[in-house]
Amino acid sequence: MQITFLGTSSGVPTRSRNVSSVALRLPQRAQLWLFDCGEGTQHQILRSDLKVSQLSRIFITHMHGDHIFGLMGLLASCGLAGSVERVDIYGPPGLNDYLQLASRHSHTHFSFPIKVHAVRPGIVYEDDEFTVICNPLHHRVTTFGYRVVEKDRPGRFDVEKAKELQIPPGRVYGQLKRGETVTLADGRVINGKELCGPTEIGRKIAYCTDTIYCDNAVDLAQDADVLIHEATFAHQDSELAFQRLHSTTTMAAQTALGAKAHRLIMTHFSPRYAPGNPIELKDLLEEARAIFPKTDMAYDFMTYEVPRRRKKNDE
């Protein structure tokens, strides 16, 4: 699971930062998921090593322009390229109407199926490997945060040990790989867990923007391997944050701390903190690290490989 930040500015793009979009690359299934799609996202993808042909799911947090204005252009280009098979889009009520109107008035016709899912709190997507959950956040319009949970899976199956035990190959290997207990034809009872390495704990990612500090964001980020959280304002500008219902650096850090997340990556920074101004982005990082030391500051095209945790067989 690899995260690539395609846009890390709030409201408007700057010379070094585009507006909001985060890509989640799932190489084991050759898929690309997007979280938000601000204006220019397709250009950012072209400048990265991501493959738009792998795009399969897009999760939209809310209907503000800096999070959706790139959606129509990206979908139209995918249609012209003819490389995308199907895209499922998840987001708040009104998203489907927006896309239908834009398509009709721009005379855009997609050559691949698009399914828009109006999300509600709870599970919005699930398959054999992943569950995606959403929760409402606290912003000026209906906004949802997302939590991606990879399901646990048994550790690596020791084929050589199975051969030493003279376990005949076949369907029984599959059962043992899943950690099941199997009775062989000769009467021996084999515990599959003893032939597998440490359980691979499913990785967890939380994506929370735009919002002021709220309990739902803490819930989404519980035990997350990485929390991606907006930090539009410095702590000194907290009054602006309350007025506009955006987070400060300290709110993002407190969310990570309260959720016992393993890492915080801040994004969605106000352009007011450009180099040379009284408060710069490096000051925002120091504020957050004072509360939550394992904090990083995202920049456009930054990639982060989500680490995997393992637990012992006897746990």
Protein backbone atom coordinates (compact mmCIF):
# COMPACT_ATOMS: atom_id res chain seq x y z
CA MET A 1 0.00 0.00 0.00
CA GLN A 2 1.64 3.18 -1.19
CA ILE A 3 0.27 6.69 -0.64
CA THR A 4 1.10 9.49 -3.09
CA PHE A 5 0.12 13.07 -2.36
CA LEU A 6 -1.02 14.76 -5.58
CA GLY A 7 -2.16 18.03 -4.01
CA THR A 8 -1.46 19.50 -0.57
CA SER A 9 -2.69 23.10 -0.73
CA SER A 10 -6.00 24.36 0.65
CA GLY A 11 -8.44 26.43 -1.39
CA VAL A 12 -6.21 27.42 -4.29
CA PRO A 13 -3.10 25.96 -5.93
CA THR A 14 0.31 27.56 -5.44
CA ARG A 15 3.46 27.30 -7.56
CA SER A 16 4.62 24.28 -5.58
CA ARG A 17 1.36 22.75 -4.34
CA ASN A 18 -1.80 21.69 -6.14
CA VAL A 19 -5.19 21.39 -4.45
CA SER A 20 -6.42 18.28 -2.66
CA SER A 21 -5.94 14.76 -3.95
CA VAL A 22 -4.33 11.68 -2.45
CA ALA A 23 -3.69 8.44 -4.34
CA LEU A 24 -3.59 5.00 -2.74
CA ARG A 25 -1.77 2.46 -4.88
CA LEU A 26 -2.58 -1.22 -4.33
CA PRO A 27 0.08 -3.06 -6.38
CA GLN A 28 -1.07 -6.53 -5.30
CA ARG A 29 -4.28 -6.00 -7.27
CA ALA A 30 -3.03 -3.43 -9.82
CA GLN A 31 -5.51 -0.83 -8.62
CA LEU A 32 -5.38 2.89 -7.89
CA TRP A 33 -7.81 4.58 -5.50
CA LEU A 34 -8.14 8.36 -5.23
CA PHE A 35 -9.26 10.41 -2.25
CA ASP A 36 -10.58 13.77 -3.48
CA CYS A 37 -9.87 15.15 -6.92
CA GLY A 38 -9.09 18.85 -6.97
CA GLU A 39 -8.53 20.82 -10.17
CA GLY A 40 -5.45 19.62 -12.06
CA THR A 41 -5.34 16.17 -10.49
CA GLN A 42 -4.99 14.48 -13.88
CA HIS A 43 -1.94 16.64 -14.62
CA GLN A 44 -0.42 15.58 -11.29
CA ILE A 45 -1.00 11.92 -12.13
CA LEU A 46 0.78 12.43 -15.47
CA ARG A 47 3.77 13.88 -13.61
CA SER A 48 3.90 10.91 -11.24
CA ASP A 49 4.65 7.22 -11.79
CA LEU A 50 0.98 6.31 -11.19
CA LYS A 51 -0.98 4.61 -13.97
CA VAL A 52 -4.37 6.14 -14.66
CA SER A 53 -5.35 2.88 -16.36
CA GLN A 54 -5.42 1.31 -12.87
CA LEU A 55 -7.93 3.84 -11.50
CA SER A 56 -10.91 1.97 -10.06
CA ARG A 57 -12.32 3.93 -7.09
CA ILE A 58 -12.59 7.59 -6.10
CA PHE A 59 -13.66 8.70 -2.62
CA ILE A 60 -14.85 12.32 -2.32
CA THR A 61 -15.03 13.98 1.10
CA HIS A 62 -17.25 16.95 0.24
CA MET A 63 -18.49 19.16 -2.55
CA HIS A 64 -16.16 22.17 -2.23
CA GLY A 65 -14.43 23.00 -5.51
CA ASP A 66 -10.87 22.43 -4.37
CA HIS A 67 -11.83 18.79 -3.77
CA ILE A 68 -13.96 18.04 -6.86
CA PHE A 69 -13.13 20.42 -9.73
CA GLY A 70 -10.66 17.93 -11.22
CA LEU A 71 -13.09 15.04 -11.24
CA MET A 72 -14.86 15.73 -14.52
CA GLY A 73 -11.64 16.39 -16.43
CA LEU A 74 -10.02 13.23 -15.12
CA LEU A 75 -13.01 11.06 -16.02
CA ALA A 76 -13.30 12.61 -19.48
CA SER A 77 -9.61 11.97 -20.21
CA CYS A 78 -9.95 8.38 -19.00
CA GLY A 79 -12.82 7.95 -21.43
CA LEU A 80 -10.86 9.33 -24.37
CA ALA A 81 -7.85 7.18 -23.55
CA GLY A 82 -10.05 4.10 -23.37
CA SER A 83 -7.81 2.55 -20.74
CA VAL A 84 -10.15 2.44 -17.74
CA GLU A 85 -12.65 -0.41 -17.40
CA ARG A 86 -14.94 0.96 -14.65
CA VAL A 87 -14.84 3.60 -11.93
CA ASP A 88 -16.85 3.58 -8.71
CA ILE A 89 -17.17 6.99 -7.07
CA TYR A 90 -18.19 7.48 -3.44
CA GLY A 91 -19.23 10.77 -1.92
CA PRO A 92 -21.90 12.94 -0.30
CA PRO A 93 -25.39 13.57 -1.69
CA GLY A 94 -25.29 15.87 -4.71
CA LEU A 95 -22.19 14.33 -6.23
CA ASN A 96 -24.13 12.35 -8.83
CA ASP A 97 -26.20 15.41 -9.80
CA TYR A 98 -23.02 17.43 -10.22
CA LEU A 99 -21.46 14.86 -12.54
CA GLN A 100 -24.67 14.39 -14.53
CA LEU A 101 -25.05 18.15 -15.11
CA ALA A 102 -21.38 18.61 -16.03
CA SER A 103 -21.58 15.69 -18.44
CA ARG A 104 -24.76 16.93 -20.07
CA HIS A 105 -23.71 20.56 -20.50
CA SER A 106 -20.22 19.68 -21.74
CA HIS A 107 -21.58 16.96 -24.07
CA THR A 108 -19.21 14.44 -22.46
CA HIS A 109 -20.03 10.77 -22.92
CA PHE A 110 -18.05 8.18 -21.03
CA SER A 111 -16.93 5.00 -22.79
CA PHE A 112 -16.74 3.06 -19.52
CA PRO A 113 -19.24 2.46 -16.67
CA ILE A 114 -19.32 4.97 -13.82
CA LYS A 115 -21.25 4.20 -10.66
CA VAL A 116 -21.79 6.95 -8.07
CA HIS A 117 -22.50 5.82 -4.51
CA ALA A 118 -24.06 8.32 -2.08
CA VAL A 119 -22.36 7.43 1.19
CA ARG A 120 -23.80 7.21 4.68
CA PRO A 121 -21.95 6.58 7.95
CA GLY A 122 -20.64 3.03 8.15
CA ILE A 123 -19.23 0.62 5.58
CA VAL A 124 -19.24 2.04 2.06
CA TYR A 125 -17.18 -0.68 0.38
CA GLU A 126 -15.98 -4.18 1.25
CA ASP A 127 -14.32 -7.10 -0.51
CA ASP A 128 -12.14 -10.06 0.51
CA GLU A 129 -9.16 -7.82 1.28
CA PHE A 130 -10.44 -4.37 2.26
CA THR A 131 -13.18 -2.54 4.11
CA VAL A 132 -13.76 1.20 3.66
CA ILE A 133 -15.72 3.04 6.35
CA CYS A 134 -16.87 6.65 6.42
CA ASN A 135 -17.90 8.99 9.21
CA PRO A 136 -19.25 12.55 9.10
CA LEU A 137 -16.77 15.30 9.92
CA HIS A 138 -17.46 18.87 11.10
CA HIS A 139 -17.18 21.36 8.23
CA ARG A 140 -19.35 24.03 6.59
CA VAL A 141 -20.97 21.52 4.23
CA THR A 142 -21.71 17.79 4.50
CA THR A 143 -18.29 16.16 4.75
CA PHE A 144 -17.10 12.62 5.31
CA GLY A 145 -13.78 11.18 6.41
CA TYR A 146 -12.70 7.71 5.29
CA ARG A 147 -10.97 4.76 6.92
CA VAL A 148 -9.41 2.01 4.80
CA VAL A 149 -8.85 -1.28 6.64
CA GLU A 150 -6.89 -4.14 5.14
CA LYS A 151 -8.02 -7.47 6.57
CA ASP A 152 -5.60 -9.64 8.56
CA ARG A 153 -4.15 -12.63 6.78
CA PRO A 154 -2.16 -15.70 7.87
CA GLY A 155 1.61 -15.53 7.73
CA ARG A 156 3.77 -17.21 5.09
CA PHE A 157 3.16 -20.95 4.75
CA ASP A 158 6.30 -23.07 5.34
CA VAL A 159 6.16 -25.55 2.45
CA GLU A 160 9.47 -27.20 3.38
CA LYS A 161 8.26 -27.94 6.91
CA ALA A 162 5.05 -29.41 5.47
CA LYS A 163 7.14 -31.71 3.26
CA GLU A 164 9.27 -32.78 6.24
CA LEU A 165 6.08 -33.77 8.04
CA GLN A 166 5.12 -35.76 4.93
CA ILE A 167 1.87 -33.88 4.50
CA PRO A 168 0.58 -34.72 1.01
CA PRO A 169 0.14 -31.63 -1.21
CA GLY A 170 -3.28 -30.68 -2.53
CA ARG A 171 -6.38 -29.11 -1.04
CA VAL A 172 -5.05 -29.64 2.48
CA TYR A 173 -2.25 -27.14 1.81
CA GLY A 174 -4.84 -24.43 1.22
CA GLN A 175 -6.54 -25.24 4.53
CA LEU A 176 -3.25 -25.16 6.40
CA LYS A 177 -2.26 -21.86 4.75
CA ARG A 178 -5.45 -20.36 6.19
CA GLY A 179 -4.37 -21.50 9.64
CA GLU A 180 -7.00 -24.21 9.94
CA THR A 181 -6.58 -27.46 11.89
CA VAL A 182 -6.70 -30.49 9.60
CA THR A 183 -7.00 -34.24 10.25
CA LEU A 184 -4.93 -36.22 7.73
CA ALA A 185 -5.83 -39.62 6.26
CA ASP A 186 -3.36 -41.32 8.63
CA GLY A 187 -5.11 -39.79 11.64
CA ARG A 188 -2.57 -37.08 12.44
CA VAL A 189 -4.01 -33.71 13.48
CA ILE A 190 -2.06 -30.75 12.07
CA ASN A 191 -2.55 -27.19 13.28
CA GLY A 192 -2.03 -24.89 10.29
CA LYS A 193 -0.93 -22.02 12.54
CA GLU A 194 2.20 -24.03 13.41
CA LEU A 195 3.18 -24.09 9.75
CA CYS A 196 2.59 -20.39 9.13
CA GLY A 197 4.71 -17.40 10.03
CA PRO A 198 3.45 -14.48 12.12
CA THR A 199 -0.01 -13.22 11.21
CA GLU A 200 0.12 -10.21 8.89
CA ILE A 201 -1.95 -7.51 10.53
CA GLY A 202 -4.07 -5.55 8.08
CA ARG A 203 -2.92 -1.99 7.56
CA LYS A 204 -5.20 0.94 8.40
CA ILE A 205 -5.33 4.38 6.79
CA ALA A 206 -7.53 7.30 7.85
CA TYR A 207 -8.21 10.35 5.66
CA CYS A 208 -9.79 13.35 7.42
CA THR A 209 -10.32 16.62 5.57
CA ASP A 210 -11.95 19.18 5.74
CA THR A 211 -12.90 19.44 9.40
CA ILE A 212 -12.34 21.10 12.70
CA TYR A 213 -11.38 18.80 15.58
CA CYS A 214 -14.15 16.27 16.17
CA ASP A 215 -14.67 12.90 17.86
CA ASN A 216 -15.60 11.20 14.59
CA ALA A 217 -12.14 11.92 13.19
CA VAL A 218 -10.60 10.32 16.27
CA ASP A 219 -12.82 7.26 15.75
CA LEU A 220 -11.78 6.94 12.11
CA ALA A 221 -8.11 7.15 13.06
CA GLN A 222 -8.14 4.56 15.87
CA ASP A 223 -4.87 2.55 15.74
CA ALA A 224 -4.29 3.76 12.17
CA ASP A 225 -0.89 3.02 10.68
CA VAL A 226 -1.14 6.46 9.15
CA LEU A 227 -3.60 9.31 9.66
CA ILE A 228 -3.78 11.86 6.84
CA HIS A 229 -5.31 14.97 8.41
CA GLU A 230 -5.73 18.52 7.27
CA ALA A 231 -3.76 21.25 9.03
CA THR A 232 -4.91 24.36 7.24
CA PHE A 233 -3.88 26.81 9.96
CA ALA A 234 -1.16 27.36 12.53
CA HIS A 235 -2.20 27.29 16.18
CA GLN A 236 -1.79 31.07 16.31
CA ASP A 237 -4.58 31.37 13.73
CA SER A 238 -7.01 29.12 15.60
CA GLU A 239 -9.70 31.81 15.52
CA LEU A 240 -9.69 31.58 11.71
CA ALA A 241 -9.90 27.80 12.01
CA PHE A 242 -13.01 28.02 14.19
CA GLN A 243 -14.61 30.56 11.85
CA ARG A 244 -13.99 28.45 8.74
CA LEU A 245 -14.29 25.03 10.41
CA HIS A 246 -10.80 23.91 9.47
CA SER A 247 -8.12 22.32 11.63
CA THR A 248 -4.97 23.77 13.08
CA THR A 249 -1.74 21.81 13.41
CA THR A 250 -2.48 21.19 17.08
CA MET A 251 -5.96 19.84 16.30
CA ALA A 252 -4.49 17.39 13.80
CA ALA A 253 -1.88 16.30 16.34
CA GLN A 254 -4.47 15.92 19.10
CA THR A 255 -6.58 13.75 16.78
CA ALA A 256 -3.60 11.46 16.13
CA LEU A 257 -2.73 11.35 19.82
CA GLY A 258 -6.28 10.59 20.93
CA ALA A 259 -6.62 7.86 18.30
CA LYS A 260 -3.25 6.29 19.15
CA ALA A 261 -2.33 6.47 15.49
CA HIS A 262 1.16 5.32 14.53
CA ARG A 263 1.94 8.23 12.20
CA LEU A 264 0.38 11.57 11.27
CA ILE A 265 0.86 13.15 7.86
CA MET A 266 -0.51 16.69 7.66
CA THR A 267 -1.82 18.22 4.43
CA HIS A 268 -4.17 20.96 3.09
CA PHE A 269 -2.02 23.94 4.10
CA SER A 270 -3.09 27.55 3.70
CA PRO A 271 -0.96 29.49 1.17
CA ARG A 272 -0.53 32.17 3.87
CA TYR A 273 2.42 30.19 5.28
CA ALA A 274 4.66 30.64 2.22
CA PRO A 275 8.40 31.13 2.76
CA GLY A 276 9.24 34.62 3.98
CA ASN A 277 5.98 35.14 5.86
CA PRO A 278 5.94 35.58 9.66
CA ILE A 279 4.79 31.96 10.08
CA GLU A 280 6.15 29.34 7.67
CA LEU A 281 5.32 25.69 7.10
CA LYS A 282 8.32 24.55 9.15
CA ASP A 283 6.72 26.28 12.14
CA LEU A 284 3.53 24.28 11.59
CA LEU A 285 5.52 21.06 11.68
CA GLU A 286 7.18 22.03 14.96
CA GLU A 287 3.78 22.80 16.52
CA ALA A 288 2.38 19.39 15.63
CA ARG A 289 5.50 17.46 16.69
CA ALA A 290 5.39 19.10 20.11
CA ILE A 291 2.15 17.15 20.68
CA PHE A 292 2.60 14.14 18.38
CA PRO A 293 6.29 13.53 17.52
CA LYS A 294 5.65 11.06 14.68
CA THR A 295 4.32 13.78 12.41
CA ASP A 296 5.32 14.49 8.83
CA MET A 297 4.31 17.30 6.50
CA ALA A 298 3.08 16.25 3.06
CA TYR A 299 4.30 17.86 -0.14
CA ASP A 300 3.20 17.26 -3.71
CA PHE A 301 4.44 13.91 -5.09
CA MET A 302 5.55 12.72 -1.66
CA THR A 303 5.12 8.95 -1.40
CA TYR A 304 4.71 6.90 1.74
CA GLU A 305 4.85 3.12 1.90
CA VAL A 306 2.50 1.99 4.65
CA PRO A 307 4.46 -0.46 6.83
CA ARG A 308 3.03 -3.81 7.86
CA ARG A 309 2.85 -4.96 11.45
CA ARG A 310 3.16 -8.62 12.43
CA LYS A 311 2.13 -10.48 15.57
CA LYS A 312 3.35 -13.77 17.01
CA ASN A 313 1.42 -16.97 16.42
CA ASP A 314 0.61 -17.39 20.10
CA GLU A 315 -0.93 -13.95 20.51
